Amino acid sequence: MQKVIAIANVIAWSGFWAFGYLAFTAGVDNTGQMVTAAVLAAMGGGVGMLAYFWLIRHSENVGYARVPNRAVKREHDDLTEEGIS
């Protein structure tokens, strides 16, 4: 599952940069093209961020990455680790 999310992350960020470039370089008279490219870039950025955050959390849960020691644990963090939502 993590490989699928990682591939989606790369594709989403690629779409963000490609459509962002198209939005910025679109002519002033092509507002439809500019808005469409901006919306697609925003969607790519949103999906990319969600996938990136999922990958970070997954890598910390499986032990691949260390959990940051600067974060202060809250009460409900202990409950979610035990599987209680």
N, C-alpha and C. Protein backbone atom coordinates (compact mmCIF):
# COMPACT_ATOMS: atom_id res chain seq x y z
N MET A 1 0.82 -1.20 0.00
CA MET A 1 0.00 0.00 0.00
C MET A 1 0.86 1.25 0.00
N GLN A 2 1.98 1.21 0.76
CA GLN A 2 2.82 2.39 0.83
C GLN A 2 3.46 2.72 -0.51
N LYS A 3 3.70 1.71 -1.35
CA LYS A 3 4.27 1.99 -2.67
C LYS A 3 3.27 2.69 -3.56
N VAL A 4 2.01 2.32 -3.44
CA VAL A 4 0.96 2.98 -4.22
C VAL A 4 0.81 4.44 -3.79
N ILE A 5 0.86 4.68 -2.48
CA ILE A 5 0.78 6.05 -1.97
C ILE A 5 2.01 6.85 -2.40
N ALA A 6 3.18 6.22 -2.40
CA ALA A 6 4.40 6.91 -2.83
C ALA A 6 4.33 7.28 -4.31
N ILE A 7 3.81 6.40 -5.13
CA ILE A 7 3.65 6.70 -6.55
C ILE A 7 2.63 7.81 -6.74
N ALA A 8 1.53 7.75 -6.00
CA ALA A 8 0.54 8.83 -6.08
C ALA A 8 1.13 10.16 -5.63
N ASN A 9 2.02 10.12 -4.64
CA ASN A 9 2.68 11.32 -4.17
C ASN A 9 3.52 11.96 -5.28
N VAL A 10 4.30 11.14 -5.97
CA VAL A 10 5.15 11.66 -7.05
C VAL A 10 4.31 12.21 -8.19
N ILE A 11 3.26 11.50 -8.55
CA ILE A 11 2.41 11.95 -9.65
C ILE A 11 1.68 13.24 -9.27
N ALA A 12 1.22 13.32 -8.04
CA ALA A 12 0.50 14.52 -7.60
C ALA A 12 1.41 15.74 -7.59
N TRP A 13 2.64 15.59 -7.06
CA TRP A 13 3.55 16.73 -7.04
C TRP A 13 3.99 17.11 -8.45
N SER A 14 4.13 16.13 -9.33
CA SER A 14 4.45 16.44 -10.72
C SER A 14 3.33 17.24 -11.36
N GLY A 15 2.10 16.83 -11.10
CA GLY A 15 0.96 17.59 -11.61
C GLY A 15 0.89 18.98 -11.04
N PHE A 16 1.22 19.12 -9.75
CA PHE A 16 1.24 20.44 -9.13
C PHE A 16 2.21 21.37 -9.85
N TRP A 17 3.43 20.90 -10.07
CA TRP A 17 4.42 21.76 -10.72
C TRP A 17 4.09 22.01 -12.18
N ALA A 18 3.63 20.99 -12.90
CA ALA A 18 3.32 21.17 -14.32
C ALA A 18 2.14 22.12 -14.51
N PHE A 19 1.06 21.89 -13.80
CA PHE A 19 -0.12 22.75 -13.97
C PHE A 19 0.10 24.12 -13.34
N GLY A 20 0.92 24.19 -12.31
CA GLY A 20 1.27 25.50 -11.76
C GLY A 20 2.03 26.33 -12.76
N TYR A 21 2.95 25.70 -13.47
CA TYR A 21 3.69 26.41 -14.52
C TYR A 21 2.74 26.88 -15.62
N LEU A 22 1.83 26.00 -16.02
CA LEU A 22 0.87 26.39 -17.06
C LEU A 22 -0.03 27.52 -16.60
N ALA A 23 -0.39 27.53 -15.34
CA ALA A 23 -1.24 28.60 -14.82
C ALA A 23 -0.50 29.94 -14.82
N PHE A 24 0.77 29.91 -14.44
CA PHE A 24 1.53 31.16 -14.41
C PHE A 24 1.92 31.67 -15.79
N THR A 25 2.08 30.78 -16.74
CA THR A 25 2.51 31.21 -18.07
C THR A 25 1.35 31.40 -19.03
N ALA A 26 0.13 31.15 -18.61
CA ALA A 26 -1.02 31.36 -19.49
C ALA A 26 -1.18 32.85 -19.76
N GLY A 27 -1.62 33.15 -20.95
CA GLY A 27 -1.83 34.54 -21.31
C GLY A 27 -2.97 35.15 -20.52
N VAL A 28 -2.93 36.47 -20.41
CA VAL A 28 -3.96 37.18 -19.66
C VAL A 28 -5.33 37.00 -20.30
N ASP A 29 -5.36 36.87 -21.60
CA ASP A 29 -6.64 36.73 -22.29
C ASP A 29 -7.21 35.31 -22.20
N ASN A 30 -6.43 34.34 -21.71
CA ASN A 30 -6.88 32.95 -21.57
C ASN A 30 -7.22 32.66 -20.11
N THR A 31 -8.25 33.32 -19.59
CA THR A 31 -8.58 33.12 -18.18
C THR A 31 -9.10 31.72 -17.89
N GLY A 32 -9.80 31.12 -18.85
CA GLY A 32 -10.29 29.76 -18.65
C GLY A 32 -9.16 28.77 -18.49
N GLN A 33 -8.15 28.92 -19.34
CA GLN A 33 -6.98 28.05 -19.24
C GLN A 33 -6.23 28.28 -17.93
N MET A 34 -6.14 29.53 -17.53
CA MET A 34 -5.42 29.87 -16.30
C MET A 34 -6.14 29.30 -15.07
N VAL A 35 -7.44 29.45 -15.02
CA VAL A 35 -8.21 28.97 -13.87
C VAL A 35 -8.20 27.44 -13.82
N THR A 36 -8.36 26.81 -14.97
CA THR A 36 -8.34 25.34 -15.01
C THR A 36 -6.99 24.80 -14.54
N ALA A 37 -5.91 25.40 -15.02
CA ALA A 37 -4.59 24.94 -14.62
C ALA A 37 -4.35 25.21 -13.14
N ALA A 38 -4.83 26.33 -12.63
CA ALA A 38 -4.65 26.65 -11.20
C ALA A 38 -5.43 25.67 -10.33
N VAL A 39 -6.64 25.31 -10.74
CA VAL A 39 -7.44 24.35 -9.97
C VAL A 39 -6.77 22.98 -9.97
N LEU A 40 -6.27 22.55 -11.13
CA LEU A 40 -5.58 21.27 -11.20
C LEU A 40 -4.28 21.28 -10.39
N ALA A 41 -3.59 22.41 -10.40
CA ALA A 41 -2.37 22.52 -9.59
C ALA A 41 -2.71 22.46 -8.10
N ALA A 42 -3.77 23.11 -7.70
CA ALA A 42 -4.18 23.07 -6.29
C ALA A 42 -4.57 21.65 -5.88
N MET A 43 -5.28 20.95 -6.76
CA MET A 43 -5.64 19.56 -6.45
C MET A 43 -4.40 18.68 -6.35
N GLY A 44 -3.45 18.88 -7.25
CA GLY A 44 -2.20 18.11 -7.19
C GLY A 44 -1.42 18.40 -5.92
N GLY A 45 -1.38 19.67 -5.52
CA GLY A 45 -0.69 20.02 -4.29
C GLY A 45 -1.37 19.44 -3.07
N GLY A 46 -2.70 19.46 -3.06
CA GLY A 46 -3.44 18.90 -1.93
C GLY A 46 -3.25 17.40 -1.80
N VAL A 47 -3.37 16.70 -2.91
CA VAL A 47 -3.19 15.24 -2.88
C VAL A 47 -1.74 14.91 -2.53
N GLY A 48 -0.80 15.70 -3.05
CA GLY A 48 0.61 15.48 -2.73
C GLY A 48 0.90 15.66 -1.26
N MET A 49 0.32 16.68 -0.65
CA MET A 49 0.54 16.89 0.78
C MET A 49 -0.08 15.79 1.61
N LEU A 50 -1.30 15.38 1.27
CA LEU A 50 -1.94 14.29 2.02
C LEU A 50 -1.14 13.01 1.91
N ALA A 51 -0.66 12.69 0.71
CA ALA A 51 0.12 11.47 0.52
C ALA A 51 1.45 11.57 1.27
N TYR A 52 2.07 12.74 1.24
CA TYR A 52 3.35 12.92 1.94
C TYR A 52 3.17 12.76 3.45
N PHE A 53 2.13 13.36 4.00
CA PHE A 53 1.88 13.22 5.43
C PHE A 53 1.56 11.78 5.80
N TRP A 54 0.83 11.07 4.94
CA TRP A 54 0.54 9.67 5.20
C TRP A 54 1.84 8.86 5.21
N LEU A 55 2.72 9.15 4.26
CA LEU A 55 3.99 8.42 4.20
C LEU A 55 4.86 8.70 5.42
N ILE A 56 4.85 9.93 5.90
CA ILE A 56 5.62 10.26 7.10
C ILE A 56 5.07 9.49 8.30
N ARG A 57 3.76 9.52 8.48
CA ARG A 57 3.16 8.83 9.62
C ARG A 57 3.40 7.32 9.53
N HIS A 58 3.29 6.77 8.33
CA HIS A 58 3.50 5.33 8.15
C HIS A 58 4.95 4.96 8.46
N SER A 59 5.90 5.76 7.98
CA SER A 59 7.30 5.43 8.23
C SER A 59 7.65 5.54 9.71
N GLU A 60 7.00 6.43 10.44
CA GLU A 60 7.23 6.50 11.88
C GLU A 60 6.59 5.31 12.60
N ASN A 61 5.42 4.88 12.14
CA ASN A 61 4.73 3.76 12.80
C ASN A 61 5.44 2.43 12.61
N VAL A 62 6.04 2.21 11.43
CA VAL A 62 6.71 0.93 11.19
C VAL A 62 8.14 0.94 11.67
N GLY A 63 8.66 2.08 12.12
CA GLY A 63 10.00 2.15 12.66
C GLY A 63 11.06 2.53 11.65
N TYR A 64 10.69 2.82 10.42
CA TYR A 64 11.68 3.22 9.42
C TYR A 64 12.28 4.58 9.75
N ALA A 65 11.47 5.47 10.26
CA ALA A 65 11.93 6.80 10.68
C ALA A 65 11.66 6.96 12.16
N ARG A 66 12.54 7.69 12.82
CA ARG A 66 12.33 7.95 14.23
C ARG A 66 11.20 8.94 14.42
N VAL A 67 10.47 8.76 15.48
CA VAL A 67 9.45 9.73 15.86
C VAL A 67 10.18 10.94 16.40
N PRO A 68 9.82 12.15 15.97
CA PRO A 68 10.56 13.32 16.44
C PRO A 68 10.47 13.47 17.95
N ASN A 69 11.60 13.69 18.59
CA ASN A 69 11.62 13.79 20.05
C ASN A 69 11.28 15.20 20.52
N ARG A 70 11.10 16.13 19.62
CA ARG A 70 10.76 17.49 20.03
C ARG A 70 9.26 17.68 20.21
N ALA A 71 8.49 16.74 19.74
CA ALA A 71 7.04 16.85 19.87
C ALA A 71 6.61 16.42 21.27
N VAL A 72 5.70 17.16 21.84
CA VAL A 72 5.18 16.84 23.16
C VAL A 72 3.97 15.94 22.97
N LYS A 73 3.99 14.79 23.63
CA LYS A 73 2.86 13.87 23.52
C LYS A 73 1.67 14.41 24.30
N ARG A 74 0.52 14.23 23.70
CA ARG A 74 -0.71 14.62 24.38
C ARG A 74 -1.40 13.36 24.89
N GLU A 75 -2.43 13.55 25.68
CA GLU A 75 -3.12 12.40 26.28
C GLU A 75 -3.73 11.49 25.24
N HIS A 76 -4.39 12.08 24.25
CA HIS A 76 -5.10 11.24 23.28
C HIS A 76 -4.15 10.56 22.30
N ASP A 77 -2.87 10.93 22.24
CA ASP A 77 -1.92 10.23 21.39
C ASP A 77 -1.67 8.82 21.88
N ASP A 78 -1.66 8.63 23.19
CA ASP A 78 -1.47 7.29 23.74
C ASP A 78 -2.66 6.39 23.43
N LEU A 79 -3.83 6.95 23.39
CA LEU A 79 -5.02 6.15 23.11
C LEU A 79 -5.05 5.72 21.66
N THR A 80 -4.61 6.57 20.72
CA THR A 80 -4.65 6.19 19.32
C THR A 80 -3.58 5.15 19.00
N GLU A 81 -2.48 5.10 19.75
CA GLU A 81 -1.47 4.09 19.52
C GLU A 81 -1.98 2.70 19.91
N GLU A 82 -2.89 2.65 20.87
CA GLU A 82 -3.43 1.36 21.30
C GLU A 82 -4.57 0.90 20.42
N GLY A 83 -4.95 1.69 19.45
CA GLY A 83 -6.03 1.32 18.56
C GLY A 83 -7.37 1.88 18.96
N ILE A 84 -7.42 2.69 20.02
CA ILE A 84 -8.66 3.30 20.46
C ILE A 84 -8.78 4.67 19.80
N SER A 85 -9.86 4.92 19.12
CA SER A 85 -10.02 6.20 18.43
C SER A 85 -10.70 7.21 19.30
